[in-house]
N, C-alpha and C. Protein backbone atom coordinates (compact mmCIF):
# COMPACT_ATOMS: atom_id res chain seq x y z
N UNK A 1 -8.85 -8.33 -5.08
CA UNK A 1 -7.78 -7.79 -6.08
C UNK A 1 -6.64 -7.38 -5.27
N UNK A 2 -5.33 -8.07 -5.50
CA UNK A 2 -4.17 -7.39 -4.88
C UNK A 2 -3.69 -6.15 -5.40
N UNK A 3 -3.20 -4.94 -4.57
CA UNK A 3 -2.90 -3.79 -5.21
C UNK A 3 -1.71 -3.36 -4.44
N UNK A 4 -0.72 -2.76 -5.22
CA UNK A 4 0.60 -2.63 -4.64
C UNK A 4 0.50 -1.03 -4.37
N UNK A 5 0.73 -0.55 -3.24
CA UNK A 5 0.78 0.81 -2.79
C UNK A 5 2.11 1.36 -2.51
N UNK A 6 2.49 2.58 -3.14
CA UNK A 6 3.93 2.93 -3.07
C UNK A 6 3.77 4.31 -2.65
N UNK A 7 4.26 4.61 -1.30
CA UNK A 7 4.27 5.96 -0.72
C UNK A 7 5.14 6.94 -1.54
N UNK A 8 4.58 8.06 -1.79
CA UNK A 8 5.17 9.11 -2.57
C UNK A 8 4.89 10.43 -1.84
N UNK A 9 6.07 11.27 -1.59
CA UNK A 9 6.10 12.40 -0.92
C UNK A 9 5.11 13.57 -1.44
N UNK A 10 4.57 14.33 -0.63
CA UNK A 10 3.77 15.56 -1.07
C UNK A 10 4.62 16.56 -0.77
N UNK A 11 4.87 17.28 -1.92
CA UNK A 11 5.73 18.63 -2.05
C UNK A 11 5.38 19.61 -0.78
N UNK A 12 6.36 20.02 -0.53
CA UNK A 12 6.23 21.17 0.52
C UNK A 12 5.73 20.76 2.04
N UNK A 13 5.78 19.38 2.24
CA UNK A 13 5.47 18.91 3.57
C UNK A 13 6.89 18.90 4.50
N UNK A 14 6.89 19.93 5.57
CA UNK A 14 7.86 19.62 6.42
C UNK A 14 8.16 18.31 7.38
N UNK A 15 9.47 18.17 7.74
CA UNK A 15 9.55 16.88 8.17
C UNK A 15 8.98 17.09 9.80
N UNK A 16 9.02 18.35 10.47
CA UNK A 16 8.35 18.71 11.68
C UNK A 16 6.93 18.08 11.90
N UNK A 17 6.25 18.00 10.70
CA UNK A 17 4.88 17.82 10.82
C UNK A 17 4.56 16.11 10.98
N UNK A 18 5.68 15.43 10.97
CA UNK A 18 5.61 14.29 11.61
C UNK A 18 5.74 14.11 13.07
N UNK A 19 4.84 14.24 13.88
CA UNK A 19 4.82 14.30 15.01
C UNK A 19 4.98 13.02 15.49
N UNK A 20 5.47 12.63 16.99
CA UNK A 20 5.29 11.31 17.52
C UNK A 20 3.84 11.05 17.41
N UNK A 21 2.99 11.68 18.02
CA UNK A 21 1.48 11.53 18.07
C UNK A 21 0.88 10.92 16.91
N UNK A 22 1.09 11.83 15.77
CA UNK A 22 0.47 11.07 14.52
C UNK A 22 1.02 9.82 14.02
N UNK A 23 2.36 9.56 14.35
CA UNK A 23 3.26 8.54 13.87
C UNK A 23 2.58 7.31 14.71
N UNK A 24 2.19 7.59 15.92
CA UNK A 24 1.70 6.43 16.67
C UNK A 24 0.30 6.18 16.15
N UNK A 25 -0.53 7.14 15.91
CA UNK A 25 -1.87 7.04 15.34
C UNK A 25 -1.55 6.31 14.03
N UNK A 26 -0.79 6.61 13.12
CA UNK A 26 -0.60 5.99 12.01
C UNK A 26 -0.33 4.24 12.29
N UNK A 27 0.77 3.93 12.99
CA UNK A 27 1.02 2.65 13.14
C UNK A 27 -0.29 1.92 13.76
N UNK A 28 -1.11 2.55 14.57
CA UNK A 28 -2.18 1.87 15.23
C UNK A 28 -3.25 1.52 13.92
N UNK A 29 -3.35 2.51 13.12
CA UNK A 29 -4.32 2.49 11.97
C UNK A 29 -3.84 1.26 11.08
N UNK A 30 -2.54 1.44 10.71
CA UNK A 30 -1.93 0.25 9.93
C UNK A 30 -2.30 -1.22 10.67
N UNK A 31 -2.13 -1.37 11.84
CA UNK A 31 -2.29 -2.69 12.57
C UNK A 31 -3.54 -2.93 12.22
N UNK A 32 -4.61 -2.19 12.58
CA UNK A 32 -6.11 -2.42 12.39
C UNK A 32 -6.37 -2.88 11.08
N UNK A 33 -6.05 -2.42 10.05
CA UNK A 33 -6.16 -2.54 8.66
C UNK A 33 -5.27 -3.95 8.25
N UNK A 34 -4.42 -4.16 8.96
CA UNK A 34 -3.55 -5.34 8.68
C UNK A 34 -4.22 -6.37 9.39
N UNK A 35 -4.75 -6.40 10.72
CA UNK A 35 -5.52 -7.33 11.34
C UNK A 35 -6.99 -7.60 10.53
N UNK A 36 -7.40 -6.55 9.72
CA UNK A 36 -8.75 -6.71 9.04
C UNK A 36 -8.41 -7.36 7.84
N UNK A 37 -7.29 -7.52 7.39
CA UNK A 37 -6.77 -8.41 5.97
C UNK A 37 -6.85 -7.42 4.87
N UNK A 38 -6.87 -6.10 4.99
CA UNK A 38 -6.93 -5.19 3.96
C UNK A 38 -5.36 -4.87 3.83
N UNK A 39 -4.63 -4.72 4.72
CA UNK A 39 -3.19 -4.60 4.48
C UNK A 39 -2.50 -5.82 4.68
N UNK A 40 -2.17 -6.61 3.54
CA UNK A 40 -1.50 -7.89 3.40
C UNK A 40 -0.08 -7.96 4.01
N UNK A 41 0.66 -6.95 3.45
CA UNK A 41 2.25 -6.77 3.91
C UNK A 41 2.45 -5.44 3.84
N UNK A 42 3.35 -5.08 4.65
CA UNK A 42 3.75 -3.52 4.99
C UNK A 42 5.42 -3.27 5.02
N UNK A 43 5.98 -3.01 4.09
CA UNK A 43 7.41 -2.74 3.99
C UNK A 43 7.86 -1.33 4.33
N UNK A 44 9.19 -0.74 4.53
CA UNK A 44 9.66 0.42 3.96
C UNK A 44 10.78 -0.04 3.22
N UNK A 45 11.21 0.74 1.99
CA UNK A 45 12.14 0.60 1.03
C UNK A 45 13.23 0.79 1.78
N UNK A 46 14.50 -0.14 1.30
CA UNK A 46 15.56 -0.06 1.83
C UNK A 46 16.52 1.06 1.31
N UNK A 47 16.07 1.73 0.15
CA UNK A 47 16.83 2.75 -0.61
C UNK A 47 16.28 4.06 -0.05
N UNK A 48 15.11 4.25 0.32
CA UNK A 48 14.75 5.54 0.83
C UNK A 48 13.60 5.46 1.75
N UNK A 49 13.16 6.52 2.29
CA UNK A 49 12.10 6.47 3.49
C UNK A 49 10.86 6.57 2.58
N UNK A 50 10.23 5.55 2.43
CA UNK A 50 8.99 5.30 1.86
C UNK A 50 8.36 3.86 2.28
N UNK A 51 7.04 4.03 2.40
CA UNK A 51 6.28 2.61 2.48
C UNK A 51 5.84 2.07 1.36
N UNK A 52 5.87 0.72 1.41
CA UNK A 52 5.31 -0.08 0.25
C UNK A 52 4.25 -1.24 0.92
N UNK A 53 3.03 -1.15 0.24
CA UNK A 53 2.15 -1.97 1.19
C UNK A 53 1.60 -2.66 0.00
N UNK A 54 1.04 -3.96 0.44
CA UNK A 54 0.38 -4.79 -0.52
C UNK A 54 -0.99 -4.98 0.07
N UNK A 55 -2.06 -4.60 -0.69
CA UNK A 55 -3.28 -4.48 -0.14
C UNK A 55 -4.17 -5.29 -1.03
N UNK A 56 -5.29 -6.05 -0.15
CA UNK A 56 -6.29 -6.83 -0.57
C UNK A 56 -7.50 -5.88 -0.36
N UNK A 57 -7.99 -5.61 -1.80
CA UNK A 57 -9.50 -4.64 -2.13
C UNK A 57 -10.05 -5.08 -3.04
N UNK A 58 -11.34 -4.78 -3.30
CA UNK A 58 -12.17 -4.98 -4.31
C UNK A 58 -11.66 -4.40 -5.54
N UNK A 59 -11.12 -3.16 -5.55
CA UNK A 59 -10.61 -2.21 -6.67
C UNK A 59 -9.88 -1.12 -6.15
N UNK A 60 -9.14 -0.43 -7.20
CA UNK A 60 -8.29 0.62 -6.75
C UNK A 60 -9.08 1.92 -5.98
N UNK A 61 -10.34 1.83 -6.39
CA UNK A 61 -11.12 2.89 -5.45
C UNK A 61 -11.19 2.67 -4.09
N UNK A 62 -11.48 1.26 -3.82
CA UNK A 62 -11.58 0.85 -2.51
C UNK A 62 -10.30 1.23 -1.60
N UNK A 63 -9.26 0.70 -2.51
CA UNK A 63 -7.81 1.12 -1.83
C UNK A 63 -7.64 2.31 -1.30
N UNK A 64 -8.09 3.08 -2.39
CA UNK A 64 -7.75 4.66 -1.98
C UNK A 64 -8.38 4.98 -0.94
N UNK A 65 -9.64 4.72 -0.72
CA UNK A 65 -10.85 5.08 0.33
C UNK A 65 -10.24 4.50 1.71
N UNK A 66 -9.58 3.26 1.56
CA UNK A 66 -9.15 2.43 2.75
C UNK A 66 -7.97 3.31 3.28
N UNK A 67 -6.82 3.67 2.28
CA UNK A 67 -5.67 4.45 2.62
C UNK A 67 -5.82 5.98 3.12
N UNK A 68 -7.01 6.41 2.75
CA UNK A 68 -7.50 7.63 3.32
C UNK A 68 -7.88 7.72 4.79
N UNK A 69 -8.11 6.42 5.16
CA UNK A 69 -8.04 6.52 6.71
C UNK A 69 -6.74 6.56 7.58
N UNK A 70 -5.81 6.51 6.89
CA UNK A 70 -4.41 6.30 7.48
C UNK A 70 -4.02 7.92 8.14
N UNK A 71 -3.88 8.27 9.09
CA UNK A 71 -3.81 9.63 9.61
C UNK A 71 -2.59 10.29 9.03
N UNK A 72 -1.68 9.81 8.20
CA UNK A 72 -0.78 10.61 7.43
C UNK A 72 -1.04 11.12 6.28
N UNK A 73 -1.99 10.22 5.69
CA UNK A 73 -2.73 10.32 4.37
C UNK A 73 -3.90 11.41 4.68
N UNK A 74 -4.80 11.27 5.70
CA UNK A 74 -5.92 12.16 5.95
C UNK A 74 -5.32 13.67 6.36
N UNK A 75 -4.00 13.69 6.67
CA UNK A 75 -3.39 15.13 7.04
C UNK A 75 -2.81 15.33 6.17
N UNK A 76 -2.66 14.96 4.80
CA UNK A 76 -1.88 15.37 3.58
C UNK A 76 -0.63 15.41 3.74
N UNK A 77 -0.02 14.61 4.72
CA UNK A 77 1.39 14.30 4.94
C UNK A 77 2.09 13.43 3.68
N UNK A 78 1.53 12.45 3.31
CA UNK A 78 1.97 11.32 2.09
C UNK A 78 0.90 11.35 1.48
N UNK A 79 1.19 10.48 0.36
CA UNK A 79 0.06 10.04 -0.66
C UNK A 79 0.75 8.65 -1.20
N UNK A 80 -0.04 7.97 -2.00
CA UNK A 80 0.35 6.75 -2.52
C UNK A 80 0.00 6.74 -4.02
N UNK A 81 0.88 5.90 -4.76
CA UNK A 81 0.78 5.29 -5.95
C UNK A 81 0.09 3.96 -5.90
N UNK A 82 -1.06 3.60 -6.77
CA UNK A 82 -1.77 2.61 -6.53
C UNK A 82 -1.49 1.77 -7.71
N UNK A 83 -1.02 0.53 -7.76
CA UNK A 83 -0.75 -0.29 -8.76
C UNK A 83 -1.60 -1.57 -8.86
N UNK A 84 -2.50 -1.94 -9.41
CA UNK A 84 -3.21 -3.00 -9.77
C UNK A 84 -2.72 -4.14 -10.05
N UNK A 85 -2.71 -5.37 -9.27
CA UNK A 85 -1.80 -6.44 -9.87
C UNK A 85 -2.74 -7.51 -10.37
N UNK A 86 -2.13 -8.42 -10.95
CA UNK A 86 -3.07 -9.79 -11.31
C UNK A 86 -2.02 -10.90 -11.38
N UNK A 87 -2.61 -12.01 -11.15
CA UNK A 87 -1.62 -13.20 -11.13
C UNK A 87 -0.75 -13.60 -12.40
N UNK A 88 0.25 -13.98 -12.26
CA UNK A 88 1.12 -14.19 -13.52
C UNK A 88 0.68 -15.44 -14.10
N UNK A 89 0.21 -15.25 -15.62
CA UNK A 89 -0.40 -16.34 -16.13
C UNK A 89 0.69 -17.48 -16.85
N UNK A 90 2.02 -17.05 -16.67
CA UNK A 90 2.99 -17.98 -17.59
C UNK A 90 3.13 -19.03 -17.24
N UNK A 91 2.84 -19.65 -16.08
CA UNK A 91 3.14 -20.75 -15.55
C UNK A 91 2.41 -22.01 -16.23
N UNK A 92 1.22 -21.49 -16.86
CA UNK A 92 0.28 -22.36 -17.57
C UNK A 92 1.16 -22.90 -18.77
N UNK A 93 2.27 -22.16 -19.40
CA UNK A 93 3.05 -22.66 -20.54
C UNK A 93 3.85 -24.08 -20.13
N UNK A 94 4.03 -24.26 -18.57
CA UNK A 94 4.72 -25.33 -18.27
C UNK A 94 3.90 -26.49 -18.61
N UNK A 95 2.76 -26.58 -18.49
CA UNK A 95 1.72 -27.51 -18.37
C UNK A 95 0.96 -27.71 -19.79
N UNK A 96 1.33 -27.04 -20.66
CA UNK A 96 0.51 -27.16 -22.04
C UNK A 96 0.99 -28.18 -22.93
N UNK A 97 0.26 -28.62 -23.77
CA UNK A 97 0.51 -29.78 -24.42
C UNK A 97 1.38 -29.38 -25.70
N UNK A 98 2.59 -29.73 -25.66
CA UNK A 98 3.24 -29.39 -26.77
C UNK A 98 3.37 -30.19 -28.05
N UNK A 99 2.51 -31.33 -28.30
CA UNK A 99 2.40 -32.11 -29.16
C UNK A 99 1.28 -31.64 -30.22
N UNK A 100 0.68 -30.47 -29.72
CA UNK A 100 -0.47 -30.01 -30.72
C UNK A 100 0.08 -29.15 -31.37
């Protein structure tokens, strides 16, 4: 299942908690998950500082458990909104028999 994960801030987290060490660990873990095929795409929003990930997981629960292995999530510094996606079914209308 494809899942969209949008980073959301955790209230009360100070910027100084985002240290170079935890940032490097975050990038390393994201790379591992990308190489494993769990993170399909990883972006930052252009209008604010927030990550947007496309995940490949069995369900939202698996996505939440996988994201919990990211150091920033494990440390309680960020969280994600998870949105399950399904394929767009509308293209079938292009090939429907309109004579019936």
